[in-house]
Protein backbone atom coordinates (compact mmCIF):
# COMPACT_ATOMS: atom_id res chain seq x y z
CA UNK A 1 -53.56 7.01 65.51
CA UNK A 2 -50.11 6.28 65.96
CA UNK A 3 -47.70 5.49 63.10
CA UNK A 4 -45.57 2.62 63.37
CA UNK A 5 -41.77 3.07 61.16
CA UNK A 6 -40.98 -0.85 60.49
CA UNK A 7 -37.60 0.15 59.92
CA UNK A 8 -36.31 -3.20 58.99
CA UNK A 9 -39.15 -2.37 55.80
CA UNK A 10 -37.79 0.93 55.42
CA UNK A 11 -34.03 -0.62 54.91
CA UNK A 12 -35.02 -3.17 52.93
CA UNK A 13 -36.47 -0.64 50.58
CA UNK A 14 -33.77 1.33 50.68
CA UNK A 15 -31.17 -1.44 49.21
CA UNK A 16 -33.84 -2.79 46.94
CA UNK A 17 -33.59 1.29 45.52
CA UNK A 18 -29.93 1.57 45.46
CA UNK A 19 -29.47 -2.23 44.22
CA UNK A 20 -31.59 -0.89 41.36
CA UNK A 21 -30.00 2.27 40.72
CA UNK A 22 -26.66 0.87 41.17
CA UNK A 23 -28.32 -1.75 37.81
CA UNK A 24 -28.62 1.18 35.98
CA UNK A 25 -26.20 3.14 36.12
CA UNK A 26 -23.66 0.09 35.16
CA UNK A 27 -26.47 -0.54 32.82
CA UNK A 28 -26.18 2.65 31.72
CA UNK A 29 -22.15 2.59 31.62
CA UNK A 30 -22.01 -0.83 29.91
CA UNK A 31 -24.20 0.86 27.14
CA UNK A 32 -22.26 3.95 26.96
CA UNK A 33 -18.62 2.00 27.02
CA UNK A 34 -19.95 -0.52 24.30
CA UNK A 35 -21.52 3.36 22.25
CA UNK A 36 -17.40 4.23 22.79
CA UNK A 37 -15.74 1.05 21.73
CA UNK A 38 -18.18 1.46 18.30
CA UNK A 39 -17.57 4.63 17.66
CA UNK A 40 -13.67 4.09 18.30
CA UNK A 41 -13.95 1.67 15.67
CA UNK A 42 -15.56 3.82 13.31
CA UNK A 43 -12.74 5.95 13.63
CA UNK A 44 -10.28 4.05 13.22
CA UNK A 45 -11.99 2.96 10.17
CA UNK A 46 -12.67 6.56 8.85
CA UNK A 47 -8.87 7.25 9.76
CA UNK A 48 -7.61 4.18 7.01
CA UNK A 49 -9.65 5.50 4.52
CA UNK A 50 -8.56 8.96 5.47
CA UNK A 51 -4.88 7.67 4.47
CA UNK A 52 -5.83 5.37 1.55
CA UNK A 53 -7.29 8.10 0.72
CA UNK A 54 -4.93 10.71 0.55
CA UNK A 55 -2.07 7.56 -0.78
CA UNK A 56 -4.21 7.39 -3.81
CA UNK A 57 -4.33 11.02 -4.35
CA UNK A 58 -0.42 10.36 -4.87
CA UNK A 59 0.16 6.93 -6.03
CA UNK A 60 1.53 6.55 -9.35
CA UNK A 61 0.96 3.83 -11.85
CA UNK A 62 3.03 2.44 -14.32
CA UNK A 63 2.42 1.15 -17.12
CA UNK A 64 5.32 -0.13 -19.45
CA UNK A 65 5.98 -2.13 -22.26
CA UNK A 66 9.23 -3.00 -24.26
CA UNK A 67 9.69 -4.47 -28.04
CA UNK A 68 13.23 -5.94 -29.06
CA UNK A 69 13.76 -4.48 -32.73
CA UNK A 70 14.06 -8.23 -33.81
CA UNK A 71 18.18 -8.60 -36.08
CA UNK A 72 19.47 -5.81 -34.84
CA UNK A 73 22.95 -5.51 -33.09
CA UNK A 74 23.95 -4.48 -30.80
CA UNK A 75 20.13 -5.12 -28.90
CA UNK A 76 17.77 -2.62 -28.18
CA UNK A 77 14.01 -2.23 -27.18
CA UNK A 78 11.41 0.61 -28.13
CA UNK A 79 10.32 1.08 -24.58
CA UNK A 80 7.20 3.11 -23.83
CA UNK A 81 6.36 4.70 -20.06
CA UNK A 82 2.93 5.67 -18.80
CA UNK A 83 1.91 7.39 -15.58
CA UNK A 84 -1.68 5.83 -15.38
CA UNK A 85 -2.00 7.36 -11.67
CA UNK A 86 -3.29 10.39 -10.06
CA UNK A 87 0.43 11.64 -8.78
CA UNK A 88 4.01 12.16 -10.53
CA UNK A 89 5.95 9.40 -10.60
CA UNK A 90 10.04 10.12 -9.03
CA UNK A 91 13.26 8.82 -8.95
CA UNK A 92 11.48 6.56 -12.23
CA UNK A 93 13.94 3.72 -12.83
CA UNK A 94 13.10 0.78 -16.29
CA UNK A 95 15.99 -2.30 -16.66
CA UNK A 96 14.56 -4.91 -19.30
CA UNK A 97 15.97 -8.01 -19.64
CA UNK A 98 16.78 -10.35 -23.29
CA UNK A 99 16.29 -13.20 -23.91
CA UNK A 100 19.94 -13.77 -23.99
CA UNK A 101 20.21 -12.45 -20.08
CA UNK A 102 21.58 -8.71 -21.48
CA UNK A 103 20.33 -5.31 -19.70
CA UNK A 104 18.74 -2.93 -20.19
CA UNK A 105 18.12 0.21 -18.55
CA UNK A 106 16.81 3.78 -17.44
CA UNK A 107 17.36 5.97 -14.29
CA UNK A 108 15.84 8.65 -12.93
CA UNK A 109 12.78 10.08 -14.90
CA UNK A 110 10.11 11.36 -13.53
CA UNK A 111 6.67 10.84 -15.49
CA UNK A 112 4.06 14.03 -14.41
CA UNK A 113 0.10 12.02 -13.87
CA UNK A 114 -0.41 11.20 -17.42
CA UNK A 115 2.40 11.49 -18.88
CA UNK A 116 4.21 9.52 -21.56
CA UNK A 117 7.36 8.57 -23.14
CA UNK A 118 8.55 6.31 -25.71
CA UNK A 119 12.21 5.78 -26.00
CA UNK A 120 14.90 3.16 -27.00
CA UNK A 121 17.12 0.95 -24.57
CA UNK A 122 20.34 -0.31 -26.13
CA UNK A 123 21.63 -3.53 -24.66
CA UNK A 124 24.59 -2.68 -21.57
CA UNK A 125 25.95 -5.66 -21.76
CA UNK A 126 25.28 -9.51 -19.83
CA UNK A 127 25.03 -8.99 -16.21
CA UNK A 128 23.61 -10.17 -13.25
CA UNK A 129 20.65 -9.27 -12.16
CA UNK A 130 19.79 -6.22 -9.92
CA UNK A 131 19.46 -7.87 -6.41
CA UNK A 132 15.81 -8.19 -6.21
CA UNK A 133 14.54 -6.49 -9.40
CA UNK A 134 13.27 -8.83 -10.94
CA UNK A 135 11.68 -11.24 -8.48
CA UNK A 136 7.58 -10.96 -7.73
CA UNK A 137 6.27 -11.11 -4.34
CA UNK A 138 7.07 -13.49 -1.62
CA UNK A 139 4.70 -16.68 -2.36
CA UNK A 140 3.15 -15.71 -5.86
CA UNK A 141 4.82 -16.36 -9.45
CA UNK A 142 5.65 -14.01 -12.75
CA UNK A 143 2.49 -14.75 -14.86
CA UNK A 144 3.55 -17.15 -17.83
CA UNK A 145 4.75 -15.15 -21.08
CA UNK A 146 5.74 -11.96 -18.88
CA UNK A 147 9.41 -10.31 -20.04
CA UNK A 148 11.52 -9.76 -17.46
CA UNK A 149 10.30 -5.64 -17.05
CA UNK A 150 10.65 -3.74 -13.85
CA UNK A 151 9.44 -0.06 -13.14
CA UNK A 152 10.85 1.28 -9.91
CA UNK A 153 9.80 4.27 -8.23
CA UNK A 154 9.12 6.42 -5.36
CA UNK A 155 5.68 9.26 -4.96
CA UNK A 156 5.51 12.45 -3.11
CA UNK A 157 4.99 11.28 -0.01
CA UNK A 158 8.41 9.19 0.15
CA UNK A 159 6.37 5.55 -0.29
CA UNK A 160 8.56 3.09 -3.24
CA UNK A 161 6.54 1.42 -5.96
CA UNK A 162 8.30 -1.49 -8.07
CA UNK A 163 5.82 -2.14 -10.85
CA UNK A 164 7.00 -5.97 -12.80
CA UNK A 165 5.04 -7.23 -15.92
CA UNK A 166 1.76 -8.49 -14.92
CA UNK A 167 2.03 -8.32 -11.36
CA UNK A 168 0.10 -6.08 -9.18
CA UNK A 169 2.16 -2.92 -7.93
CA UNK A 170 4.16 -3.74 -4.50
CA UNK A 171 5.23 -0.93 -2.18
CA UNK A 172 7.38 -0.03 0.75
CA UNK A 173 6.93 2.90 3.15
CA UNK A 174 10.55 4.09 4.65
CA UNK A 175 8.13 3.79 8.39
CA UNK A 176 7.04 1.04 7.69
CA UNK A 177 8.85 -1.92 10.57
CA UNK A 178 9.13 -4.14 7.75
CA UNK A 179 12.95 -4.38 5.95
CA UNK A 180 13.88 -1.91 2.95
CA UNK A 181 13.06 -4.70 -0.22
CA UNK A 182 15.63 -6.14 -2.40
CA UNK A 183 14.71 -3.73 -4.93
CA UNK A 184 14.48 -0.27 -3.20
CA UNK A 185 18.07 -0.38 -3.43
CA UNK A 186 17.97 -0.15 -7.35
């Protein structure tokens, strides 16, 4: 008995098998691409968390209070500073504006993590406020009842920080594409 090969059927079967292999391969490639994308997003998220963790380890957090001595001339305030953050506050400067516009200021302090300072500020003069120092960030307003007390400093990573009484700390990185806020020049 002789077997007759139907080459048309063989070709059709070969095409079907090739199409099936391509479909499986394409599916595997798509699955691989999806998994790669997922891993890339997870890696990016981990990178952001690692950067935030590193920054938090070096971040200062200044708590400041100024109490005015009533009836004393020249005007003076007792100032209490505490670094409640984990990192040191470098190039730390404080400014306080009294009810009559008088400014008391102290500049170039260094506060280690957990360090407390207490000193008396005597008014320097009635003068314009340093540009932008007491202005809240765009879109926010200073909470009612808060006094004009501002502290600016730099952390060990070179990030500039501003602490306004009653507001969330504001930061600016020198590597940022955004222009430096006016308070960084003070």
